[in-house]
């Protein structure tokens, strides 16, 4: 564990950021202590625009009607 002053951290940020990958790094500033913790970069999920397949799709009401017809045909055969 490495405890550094805020002034030392300000002058050697890159050193302490790299060090935080291998050990705890605490920065002391007045009455507070801050822990430097590396986290993986979060990328925003890709938002796709509707394509031709989307525009050619059927509504849930159409799906329901078609399913009712299929079920009715199956029970009519029984």
Protein backbone atom coordinates (compact mmCIF):
# COMPACT_ATOMS: atom_id res chain seq x y z
CA UNK A 1 0.00 0.00 0.00
CA UNK A 2 1.34 3.39 -0.98
CA UNK A 3 0.14 6.62 0.71
CA UNK A 4 1.10 9.83 -1.06
CA UNK A 5 0.33 13.50 -0.54
CA UNK A 6 -1.94 15.34 -2.92
CA UNK A 7 1.01 17.49 -4.05
CA UNK A 8 3.12 14.42 -4.86
CA UNK A 9 0.17 12.84 -6.67
CA UNK A 10 -0.39 16.01 -8.72
CA UNK A 11 3.20 16.03 -9.96
CA UNK A 12 3.46 12.27 -10.68
CA UNK A 13 -0.06 11.20 -11.62
CA UNK A 14 0.93 8.71 -14.32
CA UNK A 15 3.32 6.92 -11.97
CA UNK A 16 0.61 6.43 -9.33
CA UNK A 17 -2.06 5.46 -11.85
CA UNK A 18 0.22 2.69 -13.13
CA UNK A 19 1.12 1.70 -9.59
CA UNK A 20 -2.60 1.37 -8.73
CA UNK A 21 -2.82 -1.62 -11.10
CA UNK A 22 -0.56 -3.61 -8.76
CA UNK A 23 -1.11 -2.20 -5.27
CA UNK A 24 -3.37 0.08 -3.25
CA UNK A 25 -2.62 3.76 -3.74
CA UNK A 26 -4.05 6.26 -1.26
CA UNK A 27 -3.83 10.02 -1.74
CA UNK A 28 -3.88 12.06 1.47
CA UNK A 29 -5.43 15.51 1.12
CA UNK A 30 -6.14 17.40 4.34
CA UNK A 31 -8.58 15.39 6.45
CA UNK A 32 -9.51 13.07 3.58
CA UNK A 33 -7.88 10.04 2.00
CA UNK A 34 -8.76 8.97 -1.55
CA UNK A 35 -8.14 5.53 -3.00
CA UNK A 36 -7.02 5.29 -6.63
CA UNK A 37 -8.70 2.25 -8.21
CA UNK A 38 -8.37 1.26 -11.87
CA UNK A 39 -11.57 0.17 -13.62
CA UNK A 40 -12.04 -1.04 -17.18
CA UNK A 41 -13.25 1.54 -19.64
CA UNK A 42 -16.98 1.31 -20.21
CA UNK A 43 -18.07 1.84 -23.76
CA UNK A 44 -21.55 2.88 -24.68
CA UNK A 45 -23.56 0.09 -26.29
CA UNK A 46 -24.10 0.45 -30.01
CA UNK A 47 -27.57 1.66 -30.89
CA UNK A 48 -28.60 0.34 -34.24
CA UNK A 49 -31.01 2.08 -36.55
CA UNK A 50 -34.05 0.14 -37.78
CA UNK A 51 -33.24 -1.73 -40.96
CA UNK A 52 -35.34 -3.13 -43.81
CA UNK A 53 -36.17 -6.28 -41.83
CA UNK A 54 -37.57 -4.18 -39.02
CA UNK A 55 -39.78 -2.19 -41.38
CA UNK A 56 -40.99 -5.43 -43.03
CA UNK A 57 -41.85 -7.11 -39.73
CA UNK A 58 -45.40 -7.72 -38.55
CA UNK A 59 -47.10 -6.34 -35.48
CA UNK A 60 -47.89 -8.35 -32.35
CA UNK A 61 -51.58 -8.15 -33.25
CA UNK A 62 -50.81 -9.86 -36.58
CA UNK A 63 -48.78 -12.53 -34.77
CA UNK A 64 -51.65 -13.15 -32.37
CA UNK A 65 -54.18 -13.49 -35.21
CA UNK A 66 -51.94 -15.89 -37.15
CA UNK A 67 -51.29 -18.01 -34.07
CA UNK A 68 -55.02 -18.25 -33.34
CA UNK A 69 -55.61 -19.51 -36.88
CA UNK A 70 -52.87 -22.14 -36.52
CA UNK A 71 -54.18 -23.30 -33.14
CA UNK A 72 -57.74 -23.45 -34.48
CA UNK A 73 -56.56 -25.61 -37.41
CA UNK A 74 -54.71 -27.96 -35.04
CA UNK A 75 -57.75 -28.45 -32.78
CA UNK A 76 -60.04 -28.87 -35.82
CA UNK A 77 -57.95 -31.90 -36.91
CA UNK A 78 -58.32 -33.60 -33.49
